[in-house]
Amino acid sequence: MKEKTIISTATLATSLLMYFYAKTVQKDAVPYVMIGGFMGAIIGESIIEFINKNKKQ
């Protein structure tokens, strides 16, 4: 898979999870979605680094 696809998928997934969490606890969803997107980007980048590290070995 391409790096961009992995990062985008992780960002989308965490954003959606945070959106549904915000709706469940009846809070404004915007800050939760923004934090979820940021976390997803970090998770996606970590996955890419892990994959690239394993390919080099």
C-alpha atoms as a PDB file:
ATOM      1  CA  MET A   1       0.000   0.000   0.000  1.00  0.00           C
ATOM      2  CA  LYS A   2       1.082   3.550  -0.583  1.00  0.00           C
ATOM      3  CA  GLU A   3       2.157   5.679   2.345  1.00  0.00           C
ATOM      4  CA  LYS A   4      -0.439   8.333   1.609  1.00  0.00           C
ATOM      5  CA  THR A   5      -3.238   5.753   1.615  1.00  0.00           C
ATOM      6  CA  ILE A   6      -2.237   4.348   4.997  1.00  0.00           C
ATOM      7  CA  ILE A   7      -2.017   7.778   6.609  1.00  0.00           C
ATOM      8  CA  SER A   8      -5.327   8.921   5.096  1.00  0.00           C
ATOM      9  CA  THR A   9      -7.088   5.746   6.235  1.00  0.00           C
ATOM     10  CA  ALA A  10      -5.779   6.046   9.791  1.00  0.00           C
ATOM     11  CA  THR A  11      -6.783   9.722   9.914  1.00  0.00           C
ATOM     12  CA  LEU A  12     -10.278   9.013   8.603  1.00  0.00           C
ATOM     13  CA  ALA A  13     -10.822   6.101  10.965  1.00  0.00           C
ATOM     14  CA  THR A  14      -9.788   7.984  14.098  1.00  0.00           C
ATOM     15  CA  SER A  15     -11.741  11.075  13.061  1.00  0.00           C
ATOM     16  CA  LEU A  16     -14.899   9.005  12.628  1.00  0.00           C
ATOM     17  CA  LEU A  17     -14.356   7.232  15.951  1.00  0.00           C
ATOM     18  CA  MET A  18     -13.969  10.551  17.732  1.00  0.00           C
ATOM     19  CA  TYR A  19     -17.056  11.944  15.955  1.00  0.00           C
ATOM     20  CA  PHE A  20     -19.215   9.058  17.131  1.00  0.00           C
ATOM     21  CA  TYR A  21     -17.752   9.340  20.624  1.00  0.00           C
ATOM     22  CA  ALA A  22     -18.621  13.062  20.742  1.00  0.00           C
ATOM     23  CA  LYS A  23     -22.175  12.377  19.589  1.00  0.00           C
ATOM     24  CA  THR A  24     -22.538   9.613  22.178  1.00  0.00           C
ATOM     25  CA  VAL A  25     -21.562  11.887  25.070  1.00  0.00           C
ATOM     26  CA  GLN A  26     -23.577  14.754  23.526  1.00  0.00           C
ATOM     27  CA  LYS A  27     -20.681  17.177  23.066  1.00  0.00           C
ATOM     28  CA  ASP A  28     -19.704  19.431  20.185  1.00  0.00           C
ATOM     29  CA  ALA A  29     -18.017  17.157  17.646  1.00  0.00           C
ATOM     30  CA  VAL A  30     -15.606  19.628  16.019  1.00  0.00           C
ATOM     31  CA  PRO A  31     -12.816  19.625  18.641  1.00  0.00           C
ATOM     32  CA  TYR A  32     -13.026  15.856  19.000  1.00  0.00           C
ATOM     33  CA  VAL A  33     -12.783  15.323  15.239  1.00  0.00           C
ATOM     34  CA  MET A  34      -9.789  17.657  15.012  1.00  0.00           C
ATOM     35  CA  ILE A  35      -7.984  15.846  17.816  1.00  0.00           C
ATOM     36  CA  GLY A  36      -8.899  12.492  16.262  1.00  0.00           C
ATOM     37  CA  GLY A  37      -7.505  13.583  12.904  1.00  0.00           C
ATOM     38  CA  PHE A  38      -4.252  14.660  14.502  1.00  0.00           C
ATOM     39  CA  MET A  39      -3.955  11.395  16.402  1.00  0.00           C
ATOM     40  CA  GLY A  40      -4.737   9.436  13.230  1.00  0.00           C
ATOM     41  CA  ALA A  41      -1.993  11.208  11.303  1.00  0.00           C
ATOM     42  CA  ILE A  42       0.515  10.372  14.024  1.00  0.00           C
ATOM     43  CA  ILE A  43      -0.632   6.742  14.083  1.00  0.00           C
ATOM     44  CA  GLY A  44      -0.399   6.533  10.287  1.00  0.00           C
ATOM     45  CA  GLU A  45       3.104   7.999  10.286  1.00  0.00           C
ATOM     46  CA  SER A  46       4.136   5.516  12.982  1.00  0.00           C
ATOM     47  CA  ILE A  47       2.829   2.627  10.903  1.00  0.00           C
ATOM     48  CA  ILE A  48       4.803   3.859   7.875  1.00  0.00           C
ATOM     49  CA  GLU A  49       7.985   4.184   9.935  1.00  0.00           C
ATOM     50  CA  PHE A  50       7.507   0.651  11.275  1.00  0.00           C
ATOM     51  CA  ILE A  51       6.967  -0.760   7.784  1.00  0.00           C
ATOM     52  CA  ASN A  52       9.976   1.085   6.348  1.00  0.00           C
ATOM     53  CA  LYS A  53      12.190  -0.030   9.233  1.00  0.00           C
ATOM     54  CA  ASN A  54      11.239  -3.672   8.637  1.00  0.00           C
ATOM     55  CA  LYS A  55      11.867  -3.404   4.880  1.00  0.00           C
ATOM     56  CA  LYS A  56      15.420  -2.151   5.457  1.00  0.00           C
ATOM     57  CA  GLN A  57      16.334  -5.058   7.715  1.00  0.00           C
END
